[in-house]
Amino acid sequence: MYRLFVAIDLPADVKEQLRPLCGGLPGARWVDGEQLHLTLRFIGEVDGGVRREIEGGLAEVQAAAFPLALQGVGHFPPRGQPRVVWVGVEKSHPLIHLHGRVERALAEAGVDRDGRKFSPHITLARLTATPATRVGRYLEEFGLFRTQPFPVDEFTLYSSTLTRHGAVHTPEATYPLRESTSDRDEARPQVD
């Protein structure tokens, strides 16, 4: 069985900009800087046959490269005891478009559709009994965080192995996005 997810990796300079945000919360288990990513879709465990279908389906995804900027911080769940601290993503129609194409490719490969609304973010830490007041101060301190736009020109299928020190993510296949596209191309349905 393979535990898989689809994500956008972050450039090294963007990961470096996130480094100052990764500290100062008691009970936080910070994500290793090299493993920071924006999940397009968590798939879960699949067998080898479904994995091959997924790899083939993702290779057919057609979308244009686009710029993306990170903006703001928050936590999940939005109400109650915080369990995850994240950095958000500036509103991006091309990102939503790419997510939709990935979701459709996965459905055609036999993966059940995700019933949750797509909420793009980068997980910074998982929290254990971190006082909500400390999380509140953290959000105040970093609430205006923003990066310059960076290019998104590919997405990656990752496998994830759970260890006692956290998950280890391994890139399995990378899929390039087109250099550019016109509005007319975006409106054209994907040929299957």
Protein backbone atom coordinates (compact mmCIF):
# COMPACT_ATOMS: atom_id res chain seq x y z
CA MET A 1 0.00 0.00 0.00
CA TYR A 2 1.08 3.54 -0.76
CA ARG A 3 0.06 6.62 1.25
CA LEU A 4 -0.10 9.42 -1.33
CA PHE A 5 -0.85 13.10 -1.73
CA VAL A 6 -0.51 15.72 -4.48
CA ALA A 7 1.19 19.01 -3.64
CA ILE A 8 2.99 22.09 -4.84
CA ASP A 9 6.52 22.30 -3.49
CA LEU A 10 7.77 25.69 -2.33
CA PRO A 11 10.93 27.34 -3.66
CA ALA A 12 13.89 27.38 -1.26
CA ASP A 13 13.72 31.17 -0.83
CA VAL A 14 10.03 30.97 0.17
CA LYS A 15 10.81 28.21 2.69
CA GLU A 16 13.52 30.49 4.06
CA GLN A 17 10.98 33.32 4.45
CA LEU A 18 8.79 30.96 6.49
CA ARG A 19 11.60 30.09 8.93
CA PRO A 20 10.97 33.06 11.31
CA LEU A 21 7.35 31.90 11.69
CA CYS A 22 8.43 28.47 12.95
CA GLY A 23 8.90 29.00 16.65
CA GLY A 24 7.53 30.55 19.80
CA LEU A 25 4.59 28.26 20.51
CA PRO A 26 4.75 25.76 23.39
CA GLY A 27 3.51 22.30 22.48
CA ALA A 28 4.16 22.88 18.77
CA ARG A 29 5.72 20.22 16.55
CA TRP A 30 7.05 22.28 13.64
CA VAL A 31 7.14 20.87 10.13
CA ASP A 32 10.69 20.43 8.87
CA GLY A 33 11.49 23.31 6.52
CA GLU A 34 12.38 20.96 3.66
CA GLN A 35 8.95 19.31 3.87
CA LEU A 36 6.84 22.49 3.66
CA HIS A 37 4.36 22.24 0.79
CA LEU A 38 0.88 23.24 -0.33
CA THR A 39 -1.32 20.14 -0.51
CA LEU A 40 -3.60 20.06 -3.53
CA ARG A 41 -5.17 16.76 -2.52
CA PHE A 42 -4.51 14.15 0.16
CA ILE A 43 -5.28 10.74 -1.38
CA GLY A 44 -4.51 8.28 1.40
CA GLU A 45 -3.58 4.63 1.06
CA VAL A 46 -3.92 2.92 -2.32
CA ASP A 47 -2.60 -0.28 -3.87
CA GLY A 48 -0.10 -0.48 -6.72
CA GLY A 49 -2.74 -0.67 -9.44
CA VAL A 50 -4.55 2.46 -8.30
CA ARG A 51 -1.20 4.20 -7.87
CA ARG A 52 -0.38 3.55 -11.55
CA GLU A 53 -3.83 4.88 -12.55
CA ILE A 54 -3.20 8.01 -10.46
CA GLU A 55 0.24 8.57 -12.01
CA GLY A 56 -1.21 8.22 -15.51
CA GLY A 57 -4.18 10.46 -14.76
CA LEU A 58 -2.05 13.22 -13.28
CA ALA A 59 0.20 13.14 -16.36
CA GLU A 60 -2.86 14.18 -18.39
CA VAL A 61 -3.64 17.27 -16.28
CA GLN A 62 -3.50 20.39 -18.43
CA ALA A 63 -3.04 23.73 -16.67
CA ALA A 64 -0.90 26.81 -17.05
CA ALA A 65 1.95 27.90 -14.81
CA PHE A 66 1.00 30.79 -12.54
CA PRO A 67 2.34 33.08 -9.80
CA LEU A 68 1.32 32.48 -6.20
CA ALA A 69 1.87 34.45 -2.99
CA LEU A 70 1.55 33.33 0.62
CA GLN A 71 -0.41 35.61 2.92
CA GLY A 72 -1.42 35.61 6.57
CA VAL A 73 -1.51 32.93 9.25
CA GLY A 74 -4.30 31.03 10.95
CA HIS A 75 -5.21 27.84 12.75
CA PHE A 76 -7.42 24.78 12.49
CA PRO A 77 -10.01 24.27 13.70
CA PRO A 78 -11.20 27.87 13.38
CA ARG A 79 -13.14 27.49 16.65
CA GLY A 80 -12.09 25.59 19.73
CA GLN A 81 -8.67 24.35 20.77
CA PRO A 82 -6.13 25.06 17.96
CA ARG A 83 -4.47 21.89 16.62
CA VAL A 84 -2.69 23.20 13.49
CA VAL A 85 -1.01 26.52 12.68
CA TRP A 86 -0.77 27.42 8.99
CA VAL A 87 0.22 30.15 6.57
CA GLY A 88 -2.41 31.05 4.00
CA VAL A 89 -2.41 31.61 0.26
CA GLU A 90 -3.46 34.77 -1.54
CA LYS A 91 -6.65 34.20 -3.57
CA SER A 92 -5.68 32.53 -6.85
CA HIS A 93 -8.07 31.44 -9.61
CA PRO A 94 -5.31 29.44 -11.39
CA LEU A 95 -4.68 27.50 -8.16
CA ILE A 96 -8.39 26.67 -7.86
CA HIS A 97 -8.38 25.65 -11.53
CA LEU A 98 -5.37 23.35 -10.99
CA HIS A 99 -7.00 21.81 -7.92
CA GLY A 100 -10.15 21.08 -9.96
CA ARG A 101 -8.12 19.40 -12.72
CA VAL A 102 -6.23 17.29 -10.19
CA GLU A 103 -9.47 16.34 -8.44
CA ARG A 104 -11.03 15.25 -11.74
CA ALA A 105 -7.95 13.21 -12.73
CA LEU A 106 -8.01 11.44 -9.38
CA ALA A 107 -11.73 10.68 -9.65
CA GLU A 108 -11.16 9.18 -13.10
CA ALA A 109 -8.37 7.06 -11.59
CA GLY A 110 -10.84 5.62 -9.07
CA VAL A 111 -10.11 7.82 -6.05
CA ASP A 112 -13.20 8.94 -4.11
CA ARG A 113 -13.87 12.67 -4.37
CA ASP A 114 -12.87 14.76 -1.39
CA GLY A 115 -16.02 15.99 0.33
CA ARG A 116 -14.22 18.89 2.03
CA LYS A 117 -13.92 22.39 0.59
CA PHE A 118 -10.43 23.12 -0.77
CA SER A 119 -8.71 25.42 1.74
CA PRO A 120 -5.20 26.08 0.41
CA HIS A 121 -2.58 26.51 3.14
CA ILE A 122 0.87 25.41 4.24
CA THR A 123 0.90 23.59 7.58
CA LEU A 124 3.61 25.05 9.81
CA ALA A 125 3.01 23.13 13.05
CA ARG A 126 0.78 20.64 14.81
CA LEU A 127 -0.15 21.69 18.32
CA THR A 128 -0.59 19.71 21.52
CA ALA A 129 -2.25 21.56 24.40
CA THR A 130 -0.91 24.94 23.23
CA PRO A 131 -2.77 27.67 25.13
CA ALA A 132 -5.20 29.53 22.86
CA THR A 133 -3.91 32.85 24.21
CA ARG A 134 -0.41 32.02 22.96
CA VAL A 135 -1.82 31.09 19.55
CA GLY A 136 -3.69 34.40 19.54
CA ARG A 137 -0.47 36.34 20.19
CA TYR A 138 1.26 34.34 17.44
CA LEU A 139 -1.50 35.27 14.98
CA GLU A 140 -1.20 38.94 15.95
CA GLU A 141 2.58 38.89 15.49
CA PHE A 142 2.56 37.23 12.06
CA GLY A 143 -0.89 38.17 10.75
CA LEU A 144 0.53 40.57 8.13
CA PHE A 145 3.01 38.00 6.76
CA ARG A 146 3.16 38.00 2.97
CA THR A 147 5.61 36.76 0.34
CA GLN A 148 6.25 38.16 -3.08
CA PRO A 149 4.60 36.06 -5.80
CA PHE A 150 6.65 33.04 -6.82
CA PRO A 151 6.23 30.88 -9.94
CA VAL A 152 4.29 27.63 -9.76
CA ASP A 153 5.35 25.63 -12.82
CA GLU A 154 4.85 22.04 -11.61
CA PHE A 155 3.10 19.87 -9.06
CA THR A 156 4.22 16.62 -7.47
CA LEU A 157 2.82 13.27 -6.40
CA TYR A 158 4.33 12.40 -3.01
CA SER A 159 4.35 9.28 -0.91
CA SER A 160 4.20 9.75 2.83
CA THR A 161 5.71 7.39 5.39
CA LEU A 162 4.67 7.83 9.00
CA THR A 163 7.47 7.59 11.56
CA ARG A 164 7.59 8.30 15.28
CA HIS A 165 9.25 11.63 14.40
CA GLY A 166 6.49 12.62 11.96
CA ALA A 167 5.74 11.97 8.31
CA VAL A 168 8.52 11.70 5.73
CA HIS A 169 7.48 12.86 2.26
CA THR A 170 9.13 11.43 -0.85
CA PRO A 171 8.49 12.84 -4.35
CA GLU A 172 7.29 10.04 -6.64
CA ALA A 173 6.51 11.94 -9.86
CA THR A 174 6.57 15.59 -10.93
CA TYR A 175 4.20 17.05 -13.51
CA PRO A 176 5.07 20.26 -15.38
CA LEU A 177 2.53 23.01 -16.04
CA ARG A 178 2.42 24.81 -19.39
CA GLU A 179 4.51 27.95 -19.76
CA SER A 180 1.51 30.15 -20.54
CA THR A 181 -2.02 29.99 -21.78
CA SER A 182 -4.66 32.30 -23.13
CA ASP A 183 -8.07 32.84 -21.56
CA ARG A 184 -9.56 30.90 -24.46
CA ASP A 185 -7.40 27.86 -23.63
CA GLU A 186 -8.49 28.00 -19.98
CA ALA A 187 -12.15 27.98 -21.01
CA ARG A 188 -11.69 24.99 -23.33
CA PRO A 189 -12.68 21.71 -21.67
CA GLN A 190 -9.94 19.20 -21.01
CA VAL A 191 -9.85 16.44 -23.59
CA ASP A 192 -9.90 13.04 -21.92
